[in-house]
Amino acid sequence: SLGLTYSKFGEDNAGGSIYNTGNRLIAQTSIT
C-alpha cells in the first residue's frame, strides 16, 4: 500500500495576530 497526502492550511487568527503553521506533505507505505 502506498499513500501521499498534501494538507494546505489557511491563516490562523489569534486575537488579531495572524500566523500560519505551514503546509504538510505526508508519505506513507506498508507491506504485509
PDB file of all heavy atoms in Angstrom:
ATOM      1  N   SER A   1       0.848  -1.201   0.000  1.00  0.00           N
ATOM      2  CA  SER A   1       0.000   0.000   0.000  1.00  0.00           C
ATOM      3  C   SER A   1       0.875   1.238   0.000  1.00  0.00           C
ATOM      4  O   SER A   1       1.884   1.305   0.710  1.00  0.00           O
ATOM      5  CB  SER A   1      -0.914   0.017   1.226  1.00  0.00           C
ATOM      6  OG  SER A   1      -1.785  -1.094   1.228  1.00  0.00           O
ATOM      7  N   LEU A   2       0.475   2.240  -0.796  1.00  0.00           N
ATOM      8  CA  LEU A   2       1.199   3.498  -0.911  1.00  0.00           C
ATOM      9  C   LEU A   2       0.220   4.655  -0.778  1.00  0.00           C
ATOM     10  O   LEU A   2      -0.914   4.572  -1.262  1.00  0.00           O
ATOM     11  CB  LEU A   2       1.915   3.598  -2.261  1.00  0.00           C
ATOM     12  CG  LEU A   2       2.879   2.468  -2.626  1.00  0.00           C
ATOM     13  CD1 LEU A   2       3.271   2.558  -4.102  1.00  0.00           C
ATOM     14  CD2 LEU A   2       4.126   2.526  -1.751  1.00  0.00           C
ATOM     15  N   GLY A   3       0.646   5.742  -0.137  1.00  0.00           N
ATOM     16  CA  GLY A   3      -0.224   6.901   0.002  1.00  0.00           C
ATOM     17  C   GLY A   3       0.573   8.188   0.075  1.00  0.00           C
ATOM     18  O   GLY A   3       1.685   8.210   0.607  1.00  0.00           O
ATOM     19  N   LEU A   4       0.011   9.251  -0.480  1.00  0.00           N
ATOM     20  CA  LEU A   4       0.637  10.571  -0.427  1.00  0.00           C
ATOM     21  C   LEU A   4      -0.458  11.592  -0.165  1.00  0.00           C
ATOM     22  O   LEU A   4      -1.460  11.645  -0.887  1.00  0.00           O
ATOM     23  CB  LEU A   4       1.357  10.884  -1.736  1.00  0.00           C
ATOM     24  CG  LEU A   4       2.183  12.183  -1.772  1.00  0.00           C
ATOM     25  CD1 LEU A   4       3.357  12.088  -0.809  1.00  0.00           C
ATOM     26  CD2 LEU A   4       2.680  12.471  -3.190  1.00  0.00           C
ATOM     27  N   THR A   5      -0.264  12.412   0.865  1.00  0.00           N
ATOM     28  CA  THR A   5      -1.270  13.388   1.290  1.00  0.00           C
ATOM     29  C   THR A   5      -0.648  14.777   1.364  1.00  0.00           C
ATOM     30  O   THR A   5       0.449  14.944   1.915  1.00  0.00           O
ATOM     31  CB  THR A   5      -1.845  13.030   2.665  1.00  0.00           C
ATOM     32  OG1 THR A   5      -2.386  11.704   2.627  1.00  0.00           O
ATOM     33  CG2 THR A   5      -2.946  13.998   3.060  1.00  0.00           C
ATOM     34  N   TYR A   6      -1.346  15.750   0.803  1.00  0.00           N
ATOM     35  CA  TYR A   6      -0.914  17.152   0.907  1.00  0.00           C
ATOM     36  C   TYR A   6      -1.993  17.932   1.650  1.00  0.00           C
ATOM     37  O   TYR A   6      -3.175  17.883   1.282  1.00  0.00           O
ATOM     38  CB  TYR A   6      -0.705  17.771  -0.474  1.00  0.00           C
ATOM     39  CG  TYR A   6      -0.315  19.234  -0.424  1.00  0.00           C
ATOM     40  CD1 TYR A   6       0.942  19.624   0.005  1.00  0.00           C
ATOM     41  CD2 TYR A   6      -1.233  20.218  -0.782  1.00  0.00           C
ATOM     42  CE1 TYR A   6       1.296  20.967   0.066  1.00  0.00           C
ATOM     43  CE2 TYR A   6      -0.887  21.569  -0.730  1.00  0.00           C
ATOM     44  CZ  TYR A   6       0.382  21.934  -0.302  1.00  0.00           C
ATOM     45  OH  TYR A   6       0.717  23.261  -0.233  1.00  0.00           O
ATOM     46  N   SER A   7      -1.589  18.626   2.714  1.00  0.00           N
ATOM     47  CA  SER A   7      -2.514  19.430   3.505  1.00  0.00           C
ATOM     48  C   SER A   7      -2.109  20.892   3.436  1.00  0.00           C
ATOM     49  O   SER A   7      -0.954  21.243   3.731  1.00  0.00           O
ATOM     50  CB  SER A   7      -2.511  18.974   4.972  1.00  0.00           C
ATOM     51  OG  SER A   7      -3.039  17.675   5.099  1.00  0.00           O
ATOM     52  N   LYS A   8      -3.060  21.736   3.058  1.00  0.00           N
ATOM     53  CA  LYS A   8      -2.822  23.181   2.989  1.00  0.00           C
ATOM     54  C   LYS A   8      -3.674  23.856   4.053  1.00  0.00           C
ATOM     55  O   LYS A   8      -4.871  23.583   4.172  1.00  0.00           O
ATOM     56  CB  LYS A   8      -3.185  23.736   1.610  1.00  0.00           C
ATOM     57  CG  LYS A   8      -2.964  25.249   1.481  1.00  0.00           C
ATOM     58  CD  LYS A   8      -3.249  25.740   0.081  1.00  0.00           C
ATOM     59  CE  LYS A   8      -3.105  27.258  -0.020  1.00  0.00           C
ATOM     60  NZ  LYS A   8      -1.762  27.719   0.387  1.00  0.00           N
ATOM     61  N   PHE A   9      -3.053  24.745   4.834  1.00  0.00           N
ATOM     62  CA  PHE A   9      -3.731  25.399   5.941  1.00  0.00           C
ATOM     63  C   PHE A   9      -3.877  26.888   5.675  1.00  0.00           C
ATOM     64  O   PHE A   9      -2.934  27.550   5.228  1.00  0.00           O
ATOM     65  CB  PHE A   9      -2.944  25.192   7.243  1.00  0.00           C
ATOM     66  CG  PHE A   9      -2.851  23.756   7.666  1.00  0.00           C
ATOM     67  CD1 PHE A   9      -1.812  22.956   7.220  1.00  0.00           C
ATOM     68  CD2 PHE A   9      -3.811  23.197   8.495  1.00  0.00           C
ATOM     69  CE1 PHE A   9      -1.713  21.632   7.593  1.00  0.00           C
ATOM     70  CE2 PHE A   9      -3.734  21.871   8.884  1.00  0.00           C
ATOM     71  CZ  PHE A   9      -2.690  21.090   8.429  1.00  0.00           C
ATOM     72  N   GLY A  10      -5.070  27.390   5.968  1.00  0.00           N
ATOM     73  CA  GLY A  10      -5.296  28.824   5.888  1.00  0.00           C
ATOM     74  C   GLY A  10      -4.668  29.533   7.074  1.00  0.00           C
ATOM     75  O   GLY A  10      -4.077  28.917   7.963  1.00  0.00           O
ATOM     76  N   GLU A  11      -4.800  30.838   7.116  1.00  0.00           N
ATOM     77  CA  GLU A  11      -4.193  31.617   8.189  1.00  0.00           C
ATOM     78  C   GLU A  11      -5.028  31.530   9.456  1.00  0.00           C
ATOM     79  O   GLU A  11      -6.249  31.668   9.437  1.00  0.00           O
ATOM     80  CB  GLU A  11      -4.053  33.069   7.755  1.00  0.00           C
ATOM     81  CG  GLU A  11      -3.058  33.282   6.625  1.00  0.00           C
ATOM     82  CD  GLU A  11      -2.925  34.745   6.243  1.00  0.00           C
ATOM     83  OE1 GLU A  11      -3.883  35.507   6.500  1.00  0.00           O
ATOM     84  OE2 GLU A  11      -1.868  35.130   5.699  1.00  0.00           O
ATOM     85  N   ASP A  12      -4.329  31.273  10.578  1.00  0.00           N
ATOM     86  CA  ASP A  12      -4.961  31.286  11.889  1.00  0.00           C
ATOM     87  C   ASP A  12      -4.981  32.718  12.421  1.00  0.00           C
ATOM     88  O   ASP A  12      -4.069  33.510  12.151  1.00  0.00           O
ATOM     89  CB  ASP A  12      -4.200  30.390  12.864  1.00  0.00           C
ATOM     90  CG  ASP A  12      -4.219  28.931  12.442  1.00  0.00           C
ATOM     91  OD1 ASP A  12      -5.212  28.510  11.824  1.00  0.00           O
ATOM     92  OD2 ASP A  12      -3.237  28.221  12.734  1.00  0.00           O
ATOM     93  N   ASN A  13      -6.020  33.023  13.199  1.00  0.00           N
ATOM     94  CA  ASN A  13      -6.162  34.361  13.784  1.00  0.00           C
ATOM     95  C   ASN A  13      -6.283  34.208  15.291  1.00  0.00           C
ATOM     96  O   ASN A  13      -7.287  33.709  15.803  1.00  0.00           O
ATOM     97  CB  ASN A  13      -7.398  35.058  13.214  1.00  0.00           C
ATOM     98  CG  ASN A  13      -7.506  36.500  13.673  1.00  0.00           C
ATOM     99  OD1 ASN A  13      -7.046  36.870  14.757  1.00  0.00           O
ATOM    100  ND2 ASN A  13      -8.133  37.343  12.849  1.00  0.00           N
ATOM    101  N   ALA A  14      -5.237  34.617  16.018  1.00  0.00           N
ATOM    102  CA  ALA A  14      -5.229  34.550  17.475  1.00  0.00           C
ATOM    103  C   ALA A  14      -5.313  35.960  18.036  1.00  0.00           C
ATOM    104  O   ALA A  14      -4.298  36.658  18.135  1.00  0.00           O
ATOM    105  CB  ALA A  14      -3.975  33.839  17.971  1.00  0.00           C
ATOM    106  N   GLY A  15      -6.520  36.387  18.343  1.00  0.00           N
ATOM    107  CA  GLY A  15      -6.715  37.716  18.922  1.00  0.00           C
ATOM    108  C   GLY A  15      -6.227  38.831  18.031  1.00  0.00           C
ATOM    109  O   GLY A  15      -5.738  39.856  18.531  1.00  0.00           O
ATOM    110  N   GLY A  16      -6.320  38.668  16.716  1.00  0.00           N
ATOM    111  CA  GLY A  16      -5.872  39.689  15.783  1.00  0.00           C
ATOM    112  C   GLY A  16      -4.480  39.461  15.244  1.00  0.00           C
ATOM    113  O   GLY A  16      -4.068  40.123  14.278  1.00  0.00           O
ATOM    114  N   SER A  17      -3.731  38.528  15.825  1.00  0.00           N
ATOM    115  CA  SER A  17      -2.405  38.180  15.320  1.00  0.00           C
ATOM    116  C   SER A  17      -2.561  37.051  14.301  1.00  0.00           C
ATOM    117  O   SER A  17      -3.113  36.001  14.615  1.00  0.00           O
ATOM    118  CB  SER A  17      -1.488  37.728  16.464  1.00  0.00           C
ATOM    119  OG  SER A  17      -1.260  38.790  17.374  1.00  0.00           O
ATOM    120  N   ILE A  18      -2.096  37.291  13.089  1.00  0.00           N
ATOM    121  CA  ILE A  18      -2.259  36.327  12.004  1.00  0.00           C
ATOM    122  C   ILE A  18      -0.974  35.511  11.855  1.00  0.00           C
ATOM    123  O   ILE A  18       0.130  36.074  11.818  1.00  0.00           O
ATOM    124  CB  ILE A  18      -2.570  37.042  10.676  1.00  0.00           C
ATOM    125  CG1 ILE A  18      -3.791  37.963  10.847  1.00  0.00           C
ATOM    126  CG2 ILE A  18      -2.818  36.028   9.580  1.00  0.00           C
ATOM    127  CD1 ILE A  18      -5.065  37.255  11.242  1.00  0.00           C
ATOM    128  N   TYR A  19      -1.112  34.200  11.808  1.00  0.00           N
ATOM    129  CA  TYR A  19       0.059  33.359  11.593  1.00  0.00           C
ATOM    130  C   TYR A  19      -0.337  32.112  10.824  1.00  0.00           C
ATOM    131  O   TYR A  19      -1.515  31.838  10.587  1.00  0.00           O
ATOM    132  CB  TYR A  19       0.731  32.997  12.929  1.00  0.00           C
ATOM    133  CG  TYR A  19      -0.083  32.106  13.831  1.00  0.00           C
ATOM    134  CD1 TYR A  19       0.162  30.736  13.887  1.00  0.00           C
ATOM    135  CD2 TYR A  19      -1.073  32.625  14.661  1.00  0.00           C
ATOM    136  CE1 TYR A  19      -0.559  29.911  14.722  1.00  0.00           C
ATOM    137  CE2 TYR A  19      -1.794  31.814  15.506  1.00  0.00           C
ATOM    138  CZ  TYR A  19      -1.545  30.457  15.540  1.00  0.00           C
ATOM    139  OH  TYR A  19      -2.272  29.646  16.364  1.00  0.00           O
ATOM    140  N   ASN A  20       0.665  31.331  10.427  1.00  0.00           N
ATOM    141  CA  ASN A  20       0.420  30.120   9.651  1.00  0.00           C
ATOM    142  C   ASN A  20       1.387  29.041  10.112  1.00  0.00           C
ATOM    143  O   ASN A  20       2.580  29.291  10.267  1.00  0.00           O
ATOM    144  CB  ASN A  20       0.618  30.393   8.152  1.00  0.00           C
ATOM    145  CG  ASN A  20       0.230  29.205   7.295  1.00  0.00           C
ATOM    146  OD1 ASN A  20       0.991  28.258   7.173  1.00  0.00           O
ATOM    147  ND2 ASN A  20      -0.942  29.264   6.699  1.00  0.00           N
ATOM    148  N   THR A  21       0.851  27.843  10.342  1.00  0.00           N
ATOM    149  CA  THR A  21       1.684  26.769  10.884  1.00  0.00           C
ATOM    150  C   THR A  21       2.460  26.018   9.813  1.00  0.00           C
ATOM    151  O   THR A  21       3.273  25.154  10.141  1.00  0.00           O
ATOM    152  CB  THR A  21       0.822  25.767  11.666  1.00  0.00           C
ATOM    153  OG1 THR A  21      -0.202  25.251  10.804  1.00  0.00           O
ATOM    154  CG2 THR A  21       0.174  26.442  12.861  1.00  0.00           C
ATOM    155  N   GLY A  22       2.225  26.313   8.547  1.00  0.00           N
ATOM    156  CA  GLY A  22       2.951  25.637   7.472  1.00  0.00           C
ATOM    157  C   GLY A  22       2.185  24.457   6.911  1.00  0.00           C
ATOM    158  O   GLY A  22       1.514  23.726   7.640  1.00  0.00           O
ATOM    159  N   ASN A  23       2.267  24.283   5.604  1.00  0.00           N
ATOM    160  CA  ASN A  23       1.582  23.164   4.951  1.00  0.00           C
ATOM    161  C   ASN A  23       2.347  21.862   5.178  1.00  0.00           C
ATOM    162  O   ASN A  23       3.531  21.871   5.512  1.00  0.00           O
ATOM    163  CB  ASN A  23       1.429  23.443   3.461  1.00  0.00           C
ATOM    164  CG  ASN A  23       0.619  24.700   3.199  1.00  0.00           C
ATOM    165  OD1 ASN A  23      -0.296  25.027   3.944  1.00  0.00           O
ATOM    166  ND2 ASN A  23       0.965  25.423   2.146  1.00  0.00           N
ATOM    167  N   ARG A  24       1.649  20.714   4.986  1.00  0.00           N
ATOM    168  CA  ARG A  24       2.246  19.412   5.249  1.00  0.00           C
ATOM    169  C   ARG A  24       2.208  18.512   4.024  1.00  0.00           C
ATOM    170  O   ARG A  24       1.251  18.563   3.245  1.00  0.00           O
ATOM    171  CB  ARG A  24       1.509  18.676   6.369  1.00  0.00           C
ATOM    172  CG  ARG A  24       1.928  19.065   7.772  1.00  0.00           C
ATOM    173  CD  ARG A  24       1.294  20.331   8.190  1.00  0.00           C
ATOM    174  NE  ARG A  24       1.409  20.560   9.626  1.00  0.00           N
ATOM    175  CZ  ARG A  24       1.061  21.690  10.195  1.00  0.00           C
ATOM    176  NH1 ARG A  24       0.603  22.679   9.460  1.00  0.00           N
ATOM    177  NH2 ARG A  24       1.183  21.843  11.482  1.00  0.00           N
ATOM    178  N   LEU A  25       3.216  17.675   3.899  1.00  0.00           N
ATOM    179  CA  LEU A  25       3.249  16.621   2.898  1.00  0.00           C
ATOM    180  C   LEU A  25       3.551  15.324   3.639  1.00  0.00           C
ATOM    181  O   LEU A  25       4.581  15.205   4.303  1.00  0.00           O
ATOM    182  CB  LEU A  25       4.316  16.903   1.842  1.00  0.00           C
ATOM    183  CG  LEU A  25       4.378  15.898   0.694  1.00  0.00           C
ATOM    184  CD1 LEU A  25       3.087  15.934  -0.126  1.00  0.00           C
ATOM    185  CD2 LEU A  25       5.576  16.180  -0.206  1.00  0.00           C
ATOM    186  N   ILE A  26       2.655  14.352   3.523  1.00  0.00           N
ATOM    187  CA  ILE A  26       2.758  13.102   4.271  1.00  0.00           C
ATOM    188  C   ILE A  26       2.843  11.938   3.290  1.00  0.00           C
ATOM    189  O   ILE A  26       1.947  11.758   2.461  1.00  0.00           O
ATOM    190  CB  ILE A  26       1.557  12.907   5.210  1.00  0.00           C
ATOM    191  CG1 ILE A  26       1.379  14.128   6.118  1.00  0.00           C
ATOM    192  CG2 ILE A  26       1.710  11.642   6.036  1.00  0.00           C
ATOM    193  CD1 ILE A  26       0.062  14.129   6.883  1.00  0.00           C
ATOM    194  N   ALA A  27       3.903  11.157   3.378  1.00  0.00           N
ATOM    195  CA  ALA A  27       4.074   9.955   2.549  1.00  0.00           C
ATOM    196  C   ALA A  27       3.963   8.729   3.453  1.00  0.00           C
ATOM    197  O   ALA A  27       4.535   8.706   4.554  1.00  0.00           O
ATOM    198  CB  ALA A  27       5.412   9.982   1.836  1.00  0.00           C
ATOM    199  N   GLN A  28       3.242   7.717   2.986  1.00  0.00           N
ATOM    200  CA  GLN A  28       3.032   6.509   3.770  1.00  0.00           C
ATOM    201  C   GLN A  28       3.198   5.276   2.880  1.00  0.00           C
ATOM    202  O   GLN A  28       2.829   5.298   1.699  1.00  0.00           O
ATOM    203  CB  GLN A  28       1.628   6.481   4.382  1.00  0.00           C
ATOM    204  CG  GLN A  28       1.332   7.640   5.325  1.00  0.00           C
ATOM    205  CD  GLN A  28      -0.156   7.758   5.600  1.00  0.00           C
ATOM    206  OE1 GLN A  28      -0.907   8.226   4.746  1.00  0.00           O
ATOM    207  NE2 GLN A  28      -0.579   7.329   6.767  1.00  0.00           N
ATOM    208  N   THR A  29       3.726   4.206   3.449  1.00  0.00           N
ATOM    209  CA  THR A  29       3.805   2.935   2.736  1.00  0.00           C
ATOM    210  C   THR A  29       3.742   1.793   3.739  1.00  0.00           C
ATOM    211  O   THR A  29       4.164   1.941   4.895  1.00  0.00           O
ATOM    212  CB  THR A  29       5.107   2.831   1.912  1.00  0.00           C
ATOM    213  OG1 THR A  29       5.095   1.611   1.165  1.00  0.00           O
ATOM    214  CG2 THR A  29       6.328   2.841   2.809  1.00  0.00           C
ATOM    215  N   SER A  30       3.193   0.671   3.313  1.00  0.00           N
ATOM    216  CA  SER A  30       3.175  -0.522   4.158  1.00  0.00           C
ATOM    217  C   SER A  30       3.212  -1.758   3.272  1.00  0.00           C
ATOM    218  O   SER A  30       2.679  -1.768   2.165  1.00  0.00           O
ATOM    219  CB  SER A  30       1.932  -0.546   5.055  1.00  0.00           C
ATOM    220  OG  SER A  30       0.756  -0.704   4.288  1.00  0.00           O
ATOM    221  N   ILE A  31       3.871  -2.785   3.770  1.00  0.00           N
ATOM    222  CA  ILE A  31       3.976  -4.068   3.086  1.00  0.00           C
ATOM    223  C   ILE A  31       3.625  -5.155   4.083  1.00  0.00           C
ATOM    224  O   ILE A  31       4.177  -5.207   5.196  1.00  0.00           O
ATOM    225  CB  ILE A  31       5.395  -4.312   2.537  1.00  0.00           C
ATOM    226  CG1 ILE A  31       5.776  -3.227   1.516  1.00  0.00           C
ATOM    227  CG2 ILE A  31       5.488  -5.683   1.885  1.00  0.00           C
ATOM    228  CD1 ILE A  31       7.222  -3.316   1.072  1.00  0.00           C
ATOM    229  N   THR A  32       2.689  -6.018   3.722  1.00  0.00           N
ATOM    230  CA  THR A  32       2.370  -7.190   4.533  1.00  0.00           C
ATOM    231  C   THR A  32       2.591  -8.434   3.690  1.00  0.00           C
ATOM    232  O   THR A  32       2.291  -8.453   2.499  1.00  0.00           O
ATOM    233  CB  THR A  32       0.926  -7.149   5.031  1.00  0.00           C
ATOM    234  OG1 THR A  32       0.024  -7.113   3.906  1.00  0.00           O
ATOM    235  CG2 THR A  32       0.675  -5.911   5.888  1.00  0.00           C
TER     236      THR A  32
END
